[in-house]
Amino acid sequence: MFGLSPFSLILIAIIAIMLFGSDLPEVARKFGSRYREFRRSINDVQQQFREIQRETSDALKVDTSDDHRRAEVDDEEEDEPQAPRFTPPS
């Protein structure tokens, strides 16, 4: 559990009992509620990052399709002359 040995967990429990005594259940409840709030806020931030990532990837998909269209238009324009050709007088 948490990468700690059973001896370490027992030692932590003894120190917690010595520090908090009869207030230990209340301290544990407060810690649990703060931890839940912290995890909830972390999840909200992660969700916002995922939404931004999805929006940017959608925007890039639209932009790349526009670039392909522009490339096709540029290819067509290269075949056509850009200015009228000079015809010498006869």
Protein backbone atom coordinates (compact mmCIF):
# COMPACT_ATOMS: atom_id res chain seq x y z
CA MET A 1 0.00 0.00 0.00
CA PHE A 2 1.54 3.30 -1.17
CA GLY A 3 4.89 1.52 -1.48
CA LEU A 4 5.33 1.44 2.32
CA SER A 5 6.20 -1.60 4.39
CA PRO A 6 3.83 -2.76 7.14
CA PHE A 7 6.34 -1.56 9.75
CA SER A 8 6.31 1.95 8.25
CA LEU A 9 2.50 2.05 8.28
CA ILE A 10 2.39 0.99 11.94
CA LEU A 11 4.98 3.63 12.81
CA ILE A 12 2.97 6.33 11.01
CA ALA A 13 -0.21 5.21 12.82
CA ILE A 14 1.50 5.40 16.23
CA ILE A 15 2.84 8.90 15.50
CA ALA A 16 -0.61 10.03 14.29
CA ILE A 17 -2.25 8.72 17.47
CA MET A 18 0.36 10.46 19.60
CA LEU A 19 -0.10 13.76 17.77
CA PHE A 20 -3.88 13.88 17.39
CA GLY A 21 -5.15 11.48 20.05
CA SER A 22 -8.96 11.53 20.31
CA ASP A 23 -9.21 14.06 17.45
CA LEU A 24 -7.81 11.54 14.98
CA PRO A 25 -11.22 10.57 13.42
CA GLU A 26 -12.08 14.22 12.85
CA VAL A 27 -8.64 14.92 11.35
CA ALA A 28 -9.01 11.88 9.08
CA ARG A 29 -12.44 13.09 7.90
CA LYS A 30 -11.09 16.56 7.18
CA PHE A 31 -8.13 15.07 5.34
CA GLY A 32 -10.46 12.85 3.29
CA SER A 33 -12.73 15.75 2.34
CA ARG A 34 -9.76 17.96 1.38
CA TYR A 35 -8.29 15.11 -0.67
CA ARG A 36 -11.63 14.63 -2.49
CA GLU A 37 -11.79 18.36 -3.27
CA PHE A 38 -8.20 18.28 -4.50
CA ARG A 39 -8.86 15.26 -6.77
CA ARG A 40 -12.05 16.89 -8.09
CA SER A 41 -10.18 20.08 -8.98
CA ILE A 42 -7.39 18.06 -10.64
CA ASN A 43 -10.00 16.17 -12.69
CA ASP A 44 -11.64 19.47 -13.72
CA VAL A 45 -8.30 20.86 -14.91
CA GLN A 46 -7.55 17.63 -16.81
CA GLN A 47 -10.97 17.79 -18.46
CA GLN A 48 -10.37 21.39 -19.52
CA PHE A 49 -7.02 20.40 -21.05
CA ARG A 50 -8.68 17.52 -22.92
CA GLU A 51 -11.35 19.89 -24.29
CA ILE A 52 -8.71 22.37 -25.43
CA GLN A 53 -6.70 19.57 -27.02
CA ARG A 54 -9.78 18.27 -28.83
CA GLU A 55 -10.68 21.78 -30.05
CA THR A 56 -7.18 22.41 -31.35
CA SER A 57 -7.00 19.06 -33.09
CA ASP A 58 -10.38 19.76 -34.71
CA ALA A 59 -9.15 23.19 -35.78
CA LEU A 60 -5.99 21.69 -37.24
CA LYS A 61 -8.04 19.15 -39.18
CA VAL A 62 -10.07 21.98 -40.70
CA ASP A 63 -6.94 24.03 -41.45
CA THR A 64 -5.16 21.15 -43.18
CA SER A 65 -8.17 20.49 -45.38
CA ASP A 66 -8.18 24.20 -46.33
CA ASP A 67 -4.47 23.96 -47.17
CA HIS A 68 -5.17 21.03 -49.49
CA ARG A 69 -7.85 23.02 -51.24
CA ARG A 70 -5.50 25.99 -51.61
CA ALA A 71 -2.81 23.72 -53.03
CA GLU A 72 -5.28 22.36 -55.58
CA VAL A 73 -6.32 25.89 -56.55
CA ASP A 74 -2.66 26.96 -56.82
CA ASP A 75 -1.95 23.99 -59.10
CA GLU A 76 -4.81 24.97 -61.37
CA GLU A 77 -3.65 28.59 -61.47
CA GLU A 78 -0.13 27.59 -62.49
CA ASP A 79 -1.47 26.09 -65.71
CA GLU A 80 -3.16 29.35 -66.65
CA PRO A 81 -1.06 32.38 -67.65
CA GLN A 82 -0.80 35.06 -65.03
CA ALA A 83 -0.78 37.97 -67.51
CA PRO A 84 -1.80 38.28 -71.17
CA ARG A 85 0.95 37.35 -73.60
CA PHE A 86 2.53 39.98 -75.79
CA THR A 87 1.63 39.75 -79.45
CA PRO A 88 3.88 41.76 -81.74
CA PRO A 89 2.16 44.08 -84.24
CA SER A 90 1.91 42.70 -87.74
